[in-house]
Amino acid sequence: MRSLLLCLVLLLTASGPAVAQVHLLIVSGLGGEPRYVNDFHAWGISMADAATERMGIPAANVTYLAEDPQRDSQRIDGESRRDEVERALAEIRARLGEDERLMILLIGHGSSDARGARINLPGPDLTAEELGALLEPFEGHPVVVVNTASASGDFHEPLSAENRTIVTATRSGMERNETIFGGFFVAAFAEDGGDIDKDGRVTIAEAFEYASTETERHYENANQLQLEHARMEGDMELAQLFHLGGGVAADIPADAPPEVRALYEARRELEDRIASLRVRSAQMEEAEYQMELERLLLELARTNRAIQESQEGA
């Protein structure tokens, strides 16, 4: 029985493309006051660590640019200057695979006026329009941009594009006070509360829901008027599917032998492939999409049947 299961796993995992990888760019801008400097650094480091240690993203796929790279030269890849952001995105685009995805997390202070919305960086600020131009080469790839800065709500329109989800800590550029949404958004990935459906992964939609709820709770507990209202727009299906990865599935029995555990992991990979395929469906011919979807669903059905048989034979 075990050899049969193992053969099936090898057959399933050998077929089809690898699970789409995520590339993560974290940009932590000017803090100003020491408490903001410390908070922004803590959020950036926590997100980078969660990506590699909890979500399984290869370290080479995580780029962290910060105000002071010397603060942690082992984990910070460079200064968060506008030209460094441009360079980092160009490098990511050069090695981005066909089915791979990009997430950008912006941390810091922002502003918005008649000249447009921006995030404050060392040297020239980065405007929403400039970031939108930097993302043009990523057309066709799923992209999520999360701006946790004050006045970030005005980033939505300049960044809007097909196959893209935009999350901001504020509803508009008029909400200019300091924001706490970013800390909770990062905590959704770095801690356990963000996995709302308990499937072992945290999607962008789950992180948004968790951070929004915790932000509201914070203001209520402090008996303060809520000065920030997070906003998520764009491709909502992408937000439901886009995740950074995760450990083994939560439903794997603790005493499962290696070949059964491999079946559960194969099922997780197939689910990821189906999710990625659905995101790419708009760029595919209908017949091609349906054929590939049918193939993956049949593989998933065979894997589920093998898991059931392993349970019955236990």
C-alpha atoms as a PDB file:
ATOM      1  CA  MET A   1       0.000   0.000   0.000  1.00  0.00           C
ATOM      2  CA  ARG A   2       2.773   2.427   0.927  1.00  0.00           C
ATOM      3  CA  SER A   3       4.736   1.807  -2.278  1.00  0.00           C
ATOM      4  CA  LEU A   4       1.566   2.331  -4.338  1.00  0.00           C
ATOM      5  CA  LEU A   5       0.888   5.643  -2.592  1.00  0.00           C
ATOM      6  CA  LEU A   6       4.459   6.795  -3.052  1.00  0.00           C
ATOM      7  CA  CYS A   7       4.372   5.982  -6.776  1.00  0.00           C
ATOM      8  CA  LEU A   8       1.194   8.009  -7.129  1.00  0.00           C
ATOM      9  CA  VAL A   9       2.772  10.973  -5.332  1.00  0.00           C
ATOM     10  CA  LEU A  10       5.803  10.879  -7.611  1.00  0.00           C
ATOM     11  CA  LEU A  11       3.556  10.728 -10.666  1.00  0.00           C
ATOM     12  CA  LEU A  12       1.468  13.679  -9.508  1.00  0.00           C
ATOM     13  CA  THR A  13       4.306  15.922  -8.419  1.00  0.00           C
ATOM     14  CA  ALA A  14       6.332  15.211 -11.548  1.00  0.00           C
ATOM     15  CA  SER A  15       3.579  16.418 -13.855  1.00  0.00           C
ATOM     16  CA  GLY A  16       2.732  20.035 -14.531  1.00  0.00           C
ATOM     17  CA  PRO A  17       4.626  23.212 -13.640  1.00  0.00           C
ATOM     18  CA  ALA A  18       5.947  24.016 -10.197  1.00  0.00           C
ATOM     19  CA  VAL A  19       3.776  26.073  -7.847  1.00  0.00           C
ATOM     20  CA  ALA A  20       3.974  29.754  -8.725  1.00  0.00           C
ATOM     21  CA  GLN A  21       6.520  31.537  -6.583  1.00  0.00           C
ATOM     22  CA  VAL A  22       6.009  34.877  -4.882  1.00  0.00           C
ATOM     23  CA  HIS A  23       8.505  37.724  -4.999  1.00  0.00           C
ATOM     24  CA  LEU A  24       8.204  40.124  -2.068  1.00  0.00           C
ATOM     25  CA  LEU A  25       9.540  43.693  -1.988  1.00  0.00           C
ATOM     26  CA  ILE A  26       9.382  45.474   1.377  1.00  0.00           C
ATOM     27  CA  VAL A  27      10.071  49.214   1.422  1.00  0.00           C
ATOM     28  CA  SER A  28      10.318  50.972   4.786  1.00  0.00           C
ATOM     29  CA  GLY A  29      10.568  54.753   4.439  1.00  0.00           C
ATOM     30  CA  LEU A  30      11.472  57.689   6.648  1.00  0.00           C
ATOM     31  CA  GLY A  31      10.382  57.334  10.249  1.00  0.00           C
ATOM     32  CA  GLY A  32      11.177  60.762  11.653  1.00  0.00           C
ATOM     33  CA  GLU A  33      10.534  60.359  15.356  1.00  0.00           C
ATOM     34  CA  PRO A  34      12.403  57.464  17.048  1.00  0.00           C
ATOM     35  CA  ARG A  35       9.203  55.568  17.865  1.00  0.00           C
ATOM     36  CA  TYR A  36       8.195  55.536  14.203  1.00  0.00           C
ATOM     37  CA  VAL A  37      11.698  54.570  13.132  1.00  0.00           C
ATOM     38  CA  ASN A  38      11.572  51.617  15.528  1.00  0.00           C
ATOM     39  CA  ASP A  39       8.032  50.599  14.565  1.00  0.00           C
ATOM     40  CA  PHE A  40       8.692  50.714  10.830  1.00  0.00           C
ATOM     41  CA  HIS A  41      11.891  48.709  11.221  1.00  0.00           C
ATOM     42  CA  ALA A  42      10.119  46.124  13.380  1.00  0.00           C
ATOM     43  CA  TRP A  43       7.294  45.736  10.843  1.00  0.00           C
ATOM     44  CA  GLY A  44       9.706  45.334   7.938  1.00  0.00           C
ATOM     45  CA  ILE A  45      11.908  42.777   9.692  1.00  0.00           C
ATOM     46  CA  SER A  46       8.882  40.864  10.973  1.00  0.00           C
ATOM     47  CA  MET A  47       7.417  40.630   7.460  1.00  0.00           C
ATOM     48  CA  ALA A  48      10.716  39.534   5.938  1.00  0.00           C
ATOM     49  CA  ASP A  49      11.196  36.855   8.598  1.00  0.00           C
ATOM     50  CA  ALA A  50       7.608  35.623   8.297  1.00  0.00           C
ATOM     51  CA  ALA A  51       7.993  35.320   4.519  1.00  0.00           C
ATOM     52  CA  THR A  52      11.068  33.117   4.707  1.00  0.00           C
ATOM     53  CA  GLU A  53      10.565  31.265   7.991  1.00  0.00           C
ATOM     54  CA  ARG A  54       6.791  30.773   8.135  1.00  0.00           C
ATOM     55  CA  MET A  55       5.696  31.016   4.496  1.00  0.00           C
ATOM     56  CA  GLY A  56       8.643  29.262   2.886  1.00  0.00           C
ATOM     57  CA  ILE A  57       9.532  31.959   0.350  1.00  0.00           C
ATOM     58  CA  PRO A  58      13.166  31.557  -0.776  1.00  0.00           C
ATOM     59  CA  ALA A  59      15.354  34.258   0.757  1.00  0.00           C
ATOM     60  CA  ALA A  60      16.447  35.258  -2.748  1.00  0.00           C
ATOM     61  CA  ASN A  61      12.817  36.213  -3.493  1.00  0.00           C
ATOM     62  CA  VAL A  62      12.549  38.636  -0.546  1.00  0.00           C
ATOM     63  CA  THR A  63      14.024  42.137  -0.891  1.00  0.00           C
ATOM     64  CA  TYR A  64      13.929  44.517   2.072  1.00  0.00           C
ATOM     65  CA  LEU A  65      14.874  48.178   1.577  1.00  0.00           C
ATOM     66  CA  ALA A  66      15.001  50.340   4.708  1.00  0.00           C
ATOM     67  CA  GLU A  67      15.869  53.827   5.894  1.00  0.00           C
ATOM     68  CA  ASP A  68      19.039  52.627   7.641  1.00  0.00           C
ATOM     69  CA  PRO A  69      20.539  49.458   6.107  1.00  0.00           C
ATOM     70  CA  GLN A  70      23.279  49.409   8.750  1.00  0.00           C
ATOM     71  CA  ARG A  71      20.715  48.703  11.420  1.00  0.00           C
ATOM     72  CA  ASP A  72      20.572  45.075  10.276  1.00  0.00           C
ATOM     73  CA  SER A  73      22.927  44.552   7.358  1.00  0.00           C
ATOM     74  CA  GLN A  74      22.234  40.801   7.313  1.00  0.00           C
ATOM     75  CA  ARG A  75      18.547  41.198   6.515  1.00  0.00           C
ATOM     76  CA  ILE A  76      18.295  44.641   4.885  1.00  0.00           C
ATOM     77  CA  ASP A  77      19.270  44.641   1.213  1.00  0.00           C
ATOM     78  CA  GLY A  78      19.677  48.360   0.678  1.00  0.00           C
ATOM     79  CA  GLU A  79      18.506  51.883   1.399  1.00  0.00           C
ATOM     80  CA  SER A  80      14.894  52.673   0.588  1.00  0.00           C
ATOM     81  CA  ARG A  81      15.685  55.423  -1.896  1.00  0.00           C
ATOM     82  CA  ARG A  82      13.509  55.857  -4.960  1.00  0.00           C
ATOM     83  CA  ASP A  83      16.276  54.761  -7.325  1.00  0.00           C
ATOM     84  CA  GLU A  84      16.858  51.654  -5.200  1.00  0.00           C
ATOM     85  CA  VAL A  85      13.160  50.770  -5.417  1.00  0.00           C
ATOM     86  CA  GLU A  86      13.383  51.146  -9.199  1.00  0.00           C
ATOM     87  CA  ARG A  87      16.483  48.950  -9.298  1.00  0.00           C
ATOM     88  CA  ALA A  88      14.917  46.273  -7.091  1.00  0.00           C
ATOM     89  CA  LEU A  89      11.769  46.092  -9.231  1.00  0.00           C
ATOM     90  CA  ALA A  90      13.837  45.863 -12.413  1.00  0.00           C
ATOM     91  CA  GLU A  91      15.826  42.978 -10.947  1.00  0.00           C
ATOM     92  CA  ILE A  92      12.682  41.172  -9.838  1.00  0.00           C
ATOM     93  CA  ARG A  93      11.096  41.613 -13.254  1.00  0.00           C
ATOM     94  CA  ALA A  94      14.218  40.227 -14.971  1.00  0.00           C
ATOM     95  CA  ARG A  95      13.942  36.922 -13.086  1.00  0.00           C
ATOM     96  CA  LEU A  96      10.158  36.677 -12.768  1.00  0.00           C
ATOM     97  CA  GLY A  97       8.855  33.388 -14.139  1.00  0.00           C
ATOM     98  CA  GLU A  98       5.770  33.140 -16.324  1.00  0.00           C
ATOM     99  CA  ASP A  99       3.409  32.154 -13.516  1.00  0.00           C
ATOM    100  CA  GLU A 100       5.136  34.025 -10.683  1.00  0.00           C
ATOM    101  CA  ARG A 101       3.650  36.793  -8.585  1.00  0.00           C
ATOM    102  CA  LEU A 102       4.749  40.045  -6.952  1.00  0.00           C
ATOM    103  CA  MET A 103       3.784  41.649  -3.658  1.00  0.00           C
ATOM    104  CA  ILE A 104       4.990  45.098  -2.586  1.00  0.00           C
ATOM    105  CA  LEU A 105       4.659  46.231   1.027  1.00  0.00           C
ATOM    106  CA  LEU A 106       5.166  49.968   1.664  1.00  0.00           C
ATOM    107  CA  ILE A 107       5.743  51.066   5.265  1.00  0.00           C
ATOM    108  CA  GLY A 108       6.131  54.631   6.480  1.00  0.00           C
ATOM    109  CA  HIS A 109       4.620  58.099   6.354  1.00  0.00           C
ATOM    110  CA  GLY A 110       2.767  59.424   3.363  1.00  0.00           C
ATOM    111  CA  SER A 111       1.061  62.548   2.108  1.00  0.00           C
ATOM    112  CA  SER A 112      -1.267  63.646  -0.650  1.00  0.00           C
ATOM    113  CA  ASP A 113      -1.941  67.035  -2.207  1.00  0.00           C
ATOM    114  CA  ALA A 114      -2.602  68.611  -5.576  1.00  0.00           C
ATOM    115  CA  ARG A 115       0.679  67.158  -6.857  1.00  0.00           C
ATOM    116  CA  GLY A 116      -0.433  63.605  -6.031  1.00  0.00           C
ATOM    117  CA  ALA A 117       0.069  60.952  -3.356  1.00  0.00           C
ATOM    118  CA  ARG A 118       3.507  59.846  -2.163  1.00  0.00           C
ATOM    119  CA  ILE A 119       5.366  57.843   0.432  1.00  0.00           C
ATOM    120  CA  ASN A 120       8.247  59.579   2.204  1.00  0.00           C
ATOM    121  CA  LEU A 121      11.626  58.009   1.400  1.00  0.00           C
ATOM    122  CA  PRO A 122      15.232  59.060   1.980  1.00  0.00           C
ATOM    123  CA  GLY A 123      15.915  61.547  -0.811  1.00  0.00           C
ATOM    124  CA  PRO A 124      13.073  62.133  -3.304  1.00  0.00           C
ATOM    125  CA  ASP A 125       9.696  60.689  -2.310  1.00  0.00           C
ATOM    126  CA  LEU A 126       8.050  57.969  -4.387  1.00  0.00           C
ATOM    127  CA  THR A 127       4.736  59.067  -5.876  1.00  0.00           C
ATOM    128  CA  ALA A 128       1.833  56.809  -6.764  1.00  0.00           C
ATOM    129  CA  GLU A 129       2.222  57.732 -10.440  1.00  0.00           C
ATOM    130  CA  GLU A 130       5.908  56.844 -10.393  1.00  0.00           C
ATOM    131  CA  LEU A 131       5.193  53.479  -8.775  1.00  0.00           C
ATOM    132  CA  GLY A 132       2.498  52.840 -11.352  1.00  0.00           C
ATOM    133  CA  ALA A 133       5.028  53.424 -14.130  1.00  0.00           C
ATOM    134  CA  LEU A 134       7.516  51.068 -12.463  1.00  0.00           C
ATOM    135  CA  LEU A 135       4.854  48.349 -12.429  1.00  0.00           C
ATOM    136  CA  GLU A 136       4.014  48.584 -16.139  1.00  0.00           C
ATOM    137  CA  PRO A 137       6.578  45.873 -17.081  1.00  0.00           C
ATOM    138  CA  PHE A 138       4.715  43.470 -14.759  1.00  0.00           C
ATOM    139  CA  GLU A 139       1.603  43.468 -16.963  1.00  0.00           C
ATOM    140  CA  GLY A 140       0.159  39.963 -17.087  1.00  0.00           C
ATOM    141  CA  HIS A 141       1.531  38.995 -13.689  1.00  0.00           C
ATOM    142  CA  PRO A 142      -0.566  38.993 -10.505  1.00  0.00           C
ATOM    143  CA  VAL A 143       0.548  41.980  -8.411  1.00  0.00           C
ATOM    144  CA  VAL A 144      -0.513  43.067  -4.929  1.00  0.00           C
ATOM    145  CA  VAL A 145       0.519  46.469  -3.556  1.00  0.00           C
ATOM    146  CA  VAL A 146      -0.025  47.158   0.153  1.00  0.00           C
ATOM    147  CA  ASN A 147       0.605  50.739   1.267  1.00  0.00           C
ATOM    148  CA  THR A 148       0.360  51.039   5.058  1.00  0.00           C
ATOM    149  CA  ALA A 149       1.335  54.735   5.187  1.00  0.00           C
ATOM    150  CA  SER A 150      -0.798  57.697   6.154  1.00  0.00           C
ATOM    151  CA  ALA A 151      -2.766  59.324   3.300  1.00  0.00           C
ATOM    152  CA  SER A 152      -2.248  56.131   1.291  1.00  0.00           C
ATOM    153  CA  GLY A 153      -5.834  55.951   0.028  1.00  0.00           C
ATOM    154  CA  ASP A 154      -4.981  58.088  -2.972  1.00  0.00           C
ATOM    155  CA  PHE A 155      -2.682  55.350  -4.313  1.00  0.00           C
ATOM    156  CA  HIS A 156      -5.638  53.354  -5.643  1.00  0.00           C
ATOM    157  CA  GLU A 157      -6.422  55.123  -8.886  1.00  0.00           C
ATOM    158  CA  PRO A 158      -2.816  55.567 -10.138  1.00  0.00           C
ATOM    159  CA  LEU A 159      -2.018  51.905  -9.447  1.00  0.00           C
ATOM    160  CA  SER A 160      -5.231  50.381 -10.763  1.00  0.00           C
ATOM    161  CA  ALA A 161      -4.664  47.722 -13.421  1.00  0.00           C
ATOM    162  CA  GLU A 162      -5.890  44.326 -14.517  1.00  0.00           C
ATOM    163  CA  ASN A 163      -4.821  41.392 -12.365  1.00  0.00           C
ATOM    164  CA  ARG A 164      -3.842  43.721  -9.510  1.00  0.00           C
ATOM    165  CA  THR A 165      -5.068  44.276  -5.956  1.00  0.00           C
ATOM    166  CA  ILE A 166      -4.371  47.472  -4.006  1.00  0.00           C
ATOM    167  CA  VAL A 167      -4.592  47.670  -0.204  1.00  0.00           C
ATOM    168  CA  THR A 168      -4.179  50.944   1.680  1.00  0.00           C
ATOM    169  CA  ALA A 169      -4.303  51.819   5.359  1.00  0.00           C
ATOM    170  CA  THR A 170      -6.565  54.803   4.704  1.00  0.00           C
ATOM    171  CA  ARG A 171      -9.703  55.417   2.721  1.00  0.00           C
ATOM    172  CA  SER A 172      -8.329  58.536   1.047  1.00  0.00           C
ATOM    173  CA  GLY A 173      -5.496  61.041   1.121  1.00  0.00           C
ATOM    174  CA  MET A 174      -7.429  63.089   3.668  1.00  0.00           C
ATOM    175  CA  GLU A 175      -6.715  60.586   6.462  1.00  0.00           C
ATOM    176  CA  ARG A 176      -3.288  61.996   7.273  1.00  0.00           C
ATOM    177  CA  ASN A 177      -2.646  60.887  10.846  1.00  0.00           C
ATOM    178  CA  GLU A 178      -0.278  58.099  11.816  1.00  0.00           C
ATOM    179  CA  THR A 179      -1.572  54.625  10.985  1.00  0.00           C
ATOM    180  CA  ILE A 180      -1.433  51.362  12.921  1.00  0.00           C
ATOM    181  CA  PHE A 181      -2.981  49.161  10.224  1.00  0.00           C
ATOM    182  CA  GLY A 182       0.466  48.119   8.974  1.00  0.00           C
ATOM    183  CA  GLY A 183       1.469  46.505  12.236  1.00  0.00           C
ATOM    184  CA  PHE A 184      -1.638  44.351  12.265  1.00  0.00           C
ATOM    185  CA  PHE A 185      -1.315  43.513   8.571  1.00  0.00           C
ATOM    186  CA  VAL A 186       2.205  42.204   9.162  1.00  0.00           C
ATOM    187  CA  ALA A 187       1.018  40.334  12.271  1.00  0.00           C
ATOM    188  CA  ALA A 188      -1.496  38.473  10.104  1.00  0.00           C
ATOM    189  CA  PHE A 189       1.474  36.726   8.470  1.00  0.00           C
ATOM    190  CA  ALA A 190       3.940  36.734  11.363  1.00  0.00           C
ATOM    191  CA  GLU A 191       1.526  35.349  13.960  1.00  0.00           C
ATOM    192  CA  ASP A 192      -1.310  32.838  13.998  1.00  0.00           C
ATOM    193  CA  GLY A 193      -4.444  34.997  13.989  1.00  0.00           C
ATOM    194  CA  GLY A 194      -4.510  35.856  10.294  1.00  0.00           C
ATOM    195  CA  ASP A 195      -5.317  32.352   9.037  1.00  0.00           C
ATOM    196  CA  ILE A 196      -9.058  32.840   9.365  1.00  0.00           C
ATOM    197  CA  ASP A 197     -10.141  29.654   7.555  1.00  0.00           C
ATOM    198  CA  LYS A 198      -7.399  27.578   9.247  1.00  0.00           C
ATOM    199  CA  ASP A 199      -6.055  26.104   6.008  1.00  0.00           C
ATOM    200  CA  GLY A 200      -2.410  26.781   6.848  1.00  0.00           C
ATOM    201  CA  ARG A 201      -2.128  29.838   4.577  1.00  0.00           C
ATOM    202  CA  VAL A 202      -2.922  33.548   4.863  1.00  0.00           C
ATOM    203  CA  THR A 203      -4.377  35.237   1.796  1.00  0.00           C
ATOM    204  CA  ILE A 204      -4.326  38.973   1.130  1.00  0.00           C
ATOM    205  CA  ALA A 205      -8.074  39.044   1.790  1.00  0.00           C
ATOM    206  CA  GLU A 206      -7.595  37.316   5.151  1.00  0.00           C
ATOM    207  CA  ALA A 207      -4.755  39.644   6.147  1.00  0.00           C
ATOM    208  CA  PHE A 208      -6.878  42.666   5.211  1.00  0.00           C
ATOM    209  CA  GLU A 209      -9.849  41.407   7.223  1.00  0.00           C
ATOM    210  CA  TYR A 210      -7.669  40.588  10.229  1.00  0.00           C
ATOM    211  CA  ALA A 211      -5.822  43.928  10.192  1.00  0.00           C
ATOM    212  CA  SER A 212      -9.013  45.937   9.669  1.00  0.00           C
ATOM    213  CA  THR A 213     -10.731  44.194  12.579  1.00  0.00           C
ATOM    214  CA  GLU A 214      -7.747  44.598  14.899  1.00  0.00           C
ATOM    215  CA  THR A 215      -7.355  48.265  13.958  1.00  0.00           C
ATOM    216  CA  GLU A 216     -10.998  48.933  14.802  1.00  0.00           C
ATOM    217  CA  ARG A 217     -10.647  47.008  18.074  1.00  0.00           C
ATOM    218  CA  HIS A 218      -7.567  49.049  19.015  1.00  0.00           C
ATOM    219  CA  TYR A 219      -9.413  52.354  18.677  1.00  0.00           C
ATOM    220  CA  GLU A 220     -12.439  51.022  20.539  1.00  0.00           C
ATOM    221  CA  ASN A 221     -10.335  49.746  23.445  1.00  0.00           C
ATOM    222  CA  ALA A 222      -8.491  53.064  23.628  1.00  0.00           C
ATOM    223  CA  ASN A 223     -11.814  54.916  23.493  1.00  0.00           C
ATOM    224  CA  GLN A 224     -10.480  56.983  20.601  1.00  0.00           C
ATOM    225  CA  LEU A 225     -12.013  58.182  17.360  1.00  0.00           C
ATOM    226  CA  GLN A 226     -10.847  55.925  14.526  1.00  0.00           C
ATOM    227  CA  LEU A 227      -8.743  58.072  12.210  1.00  0.00           C
ATOM    228  CA  GLU A 228      -7.878  55.451   9.597  1.00  0.00           C
ATOM    229  CA  HIS A 229     -10.126  53.216   7.527  1.00  0.00           C
ATOM    230  CA  ALA A 230      -8.390  50.590   5.418  1.00  0.00           C
ATOM    231  CA  ARG A 231      -9.441  50.060   1.806  1.00  0.00           C
ATOM    232  CA  MET A 232      -8.949  47.163  -0.613  1.00  0.00           C
ATOM    233  CA  GLU A 233      -9.865  47.419  -4.290  1.00  0.00           C
ATOM    234  CA  GLY A 234      -8.959  45.918  -7.636  1.00  0.00           C
ATOM    235  CA  ASP A 235      -9.011  42.214  -8.411  1.00  0.00           C
ATOM    236  CA  MET A 236     -10.934  40.741  -5.496  1.00  0.00           C
ATOM    237  CA  GLU A 237     -10.569  37.176  -6.773  1.00  0.00           C
ATOM    238  CA  LEU A 238      -6.818  37.680  -6.734  1.00  0.00           C
ATOM    239  CA  ALA A 239      -7.045  38.888  -3.122  1.00  0.00           C
ATOM    240  CA  GLN A 240      -8.872  35.677  -2.202  1.00  0.00           C
ATOM    241  CA  LEU A 241      -6.256  33.481  -3.918  1.00  0.00           C
ATOM    242  CA  PHE A 242      -2.980  35.346  -3.409  1.00  0.00           C
ATOM    243  CA  HIS A 243      -0.975  33.976  -0.482  1.00  0.00           C
ATOM    244  CA  LEU A 244       2.709  33.979   0.356  1.00  0.00           C
ATOM    245  CA  GLY A 245       2.837  30.249   0.913  1.00  0.00           C
ATOM    246  CA  GLY A 246       2.609  28.235   4.076  1.00  0.00           C
ATOM    247  CA  GLY A 247       3.724  25.201   5.941  1.00  0.00           C
ATOM    248  CA  VAL A 248       2.206  21.769   5.642  1.00  0.00           C
ATOM    249  CA  ALA A 249      -1.556  21.650   5.527  1.00  0.00           C
ATOM    250  CA  ALA A 250      -3.278  22.020   8.853  1.00  0.00           C
ATOM    251  CA  ASP A 251      -5.280  18.830   8.308  1.00  0.00           C
ATOM    252  CA  ILE A 252      -2.294  16.472   7.994  1.00  0.00           C
ATOM    253  CA  PRO A 253      -2.537  13.891  10.788  1.00  0.00           C
ATOM    254  CA  ALA A 254       0.301  14.322  13.245  1.00  0.00           C
ATOM    255  CA  ASP A 255       1.198  10.624  13.012  1.00  0.00           C
ATOM    256  CA  ALA A 256       0.994  10.410   9.201  1.00  0.00           C
ATOM    257  CA  PRO A 257       3.853   8.380   7.657  1.00  0.00           C
ATOM    258  CA  PRO A 258       6.074  10.160   5.101  1.00  0.00           C
ATOM    259  CA  GLU A 259       4.287   8.815   2.022  1.00  0.00           C
ATOM    260  CA  VAL A 260       0.867   9.926   3.322  1.00  0.00           C
ATOM    261  CA  ARG A 261       2.237  13.315   4.345  1.00  0.00           C
ATOM    262  CA  ALA A 262       3.597  13.616   0.803  1.00  0.00           C
ATOM    263  CA  LEU A 263       0.084  13.022  -0.534  1.00  0.00           C
ATOM    264  CA  TYR A 264      -1.290  15.892   1.541  1.00  0.00           C
ATOM    265  CA  GLU A 265       1.515  18.130   0.340  1.00  0.00           C
ATOM    266  CA  ALA A 266       0.844  17.072  -3.260  1.00  0.00           C
ATOM    267  CA  ARG A 267      -2.788  18.066  -2.759  1.00  0.00           C
ATOM    268  CA  ARG A 268      -1.668  21.472  -1.480  1.00  0.00           C
ATOM    269  CA  GLU A 269       0.494  21.957  -4.576  1.00  0.00           C
ATOM    270  CA  LEU A 270      -2.385  21.036  -6.873  1.00  0.00           C
ATOM    271  CA  GLU A 271      -4.677  23.480  -5.078  1.00  0.00           C
ATOM    272  CA  ASP A 272      -2.034  26.178  -5.575  1.00  0.00           C
ATOM    273  CA  ARG A 273      -1.765  25.356  -9.270  1.00  0.00           C
ATOM    274  CA  ILE A 274      -5.522  25.585  -9.690  1.00  0.00           C
ATOM    275  CA  ALA A 275      -5.579  28.931  -7.871  1.00  0.00           C
ATOM    276  CA  SER A 276      -2.788  30.292 -10.078  1.00  0.00           C
ATOM    277  CA  LEU A 277      -4.526  29.003 -13.201  1.00  0.00           C
ATOM    278  CA  ARG A 278      -7.752  30.771 -12.263  1.00  0.00           C
ATOM    279  CA  VAL A 279      -5.871  34.023 -11.766  1.00  0.00           C
ATOM    280  CA  ARG A 280      -4.311  33.658 -15.244  1.00  0.00           C
ATOM    281  CA  SER A 281      -7.534  32.585 -16.952  1.00  0.00           C
ATOM    282  CA  ALA A 282      -8.243  36.038 -18.419  1.00  0.00           C
ATOM    283  CA  GLN A 283      -4.967  35.867 -20.372  1.00  0.00           C
ATOM    284  CA  MET A 284      -5.636  32.364 -21.749  1.00  0.00           C
ATOM    285  CA  GLU A 285      -7.723  30.954 -24.558  1.00  0.00           C
ATOM    286  CA  GLU A 286     -10.916  29.472 -23.126  1.00  0.00           C
ATOM    287  CA  ALA A 287     -10.236  26.005 -24.558  1.00  0.00           C
ATOM    288  CA  GLU A 288      -6.682  26.000 -23.190  1.00  0.00           C
ATOM    289  CA  TYR A 289      -7.890  27.118 -19.773  1.00  0.00           C
ATOM    290  CA  GLN A 290     -10.632  24.487 -19.587  1.00  0.00           C
ATOM    291  CA  MET A 291      -8.270  21.723 -20.687  1.00  0.00           C
ATOM    292  CA  GLU A 292      -5.642  22.606 -18.081  1.00  0.00           C
ATOM    293  CA  LEU A 293      -8.275  23.073 -15.370  1.00  0.00           C
ATOM    294  CA  GLU A 294      -9.763  19.654 -16.134  1.00  0.00           C
ATOM    295  CA  ARG A 295      -6.311  18.039 -15.971  1.00  0.00           C
ATOM    296  CA  LEU A 296      -5.548  19.585 -12.586  1.00  0.00           C
ATOM    297  CA  LEU A 297      -8.976  18.764 -11.165  1.00  0.00           C
ATOM    298  CA  LEU A 298      -8.588  15.116 -12.229  1.00  0.00           C
ATOM    299  CA  GLU A 299      -5.176  14.978 -10.552  1.00  0.00           C
ATOM    300  CA  LEU A 300      -6.674  16.539  -7.442  1.00  0.00           C
ATOM    301  CA  ALA A 301      -9.467  13.968  -7.433  1.00  0.00           C
ATOM    302  CA  ARG A 302      -6.967  11.114  -7.726  1.00  0.00           C
ATOM    303  CA  THR A 303      -4.909  12.555  -4.891  1.00  0.00           C
ATOM    304  CA  ASN A 304      -7.957  12.966  -2.667  1.00  0.00           C
ATOM    305  CA  ARG A 305      -8.931   9.361  -3.421  1.00  0.00           C
ATOM    306  CA  ALA A 306      -5.435   8.168  -2.493  1.00  0.00           C
ATOM    307  CA  ILE A 307      -5.625  10.102   0.798  1.00  0.00           C
ATOM    308  CA  GLN A 308      -8.989   8.516   1.545  1.00  0.00           C
ATOM    309  CA  GLU A 309      -7.629   5.032   0.771  1.00  0.00           C
ATOM    310  CA  SER A 310      -4.660   5.645   3.043  1.00  0.00           C
ATOM    311  CA  GLN A 311      -7.043   6.534   5.861  1.00  0.00           C
ATOM    312  CA  GLU A 312      -9.187   3.444   5.263  1.00  0.00           C
ATOM    313  CA  GLY A 313      -6.110   1.203   5.212  1.00  0.00           C
ATOM    314  CA  ALA A 314      -4.593   2.682   8.360  1.00  0.00           C
END
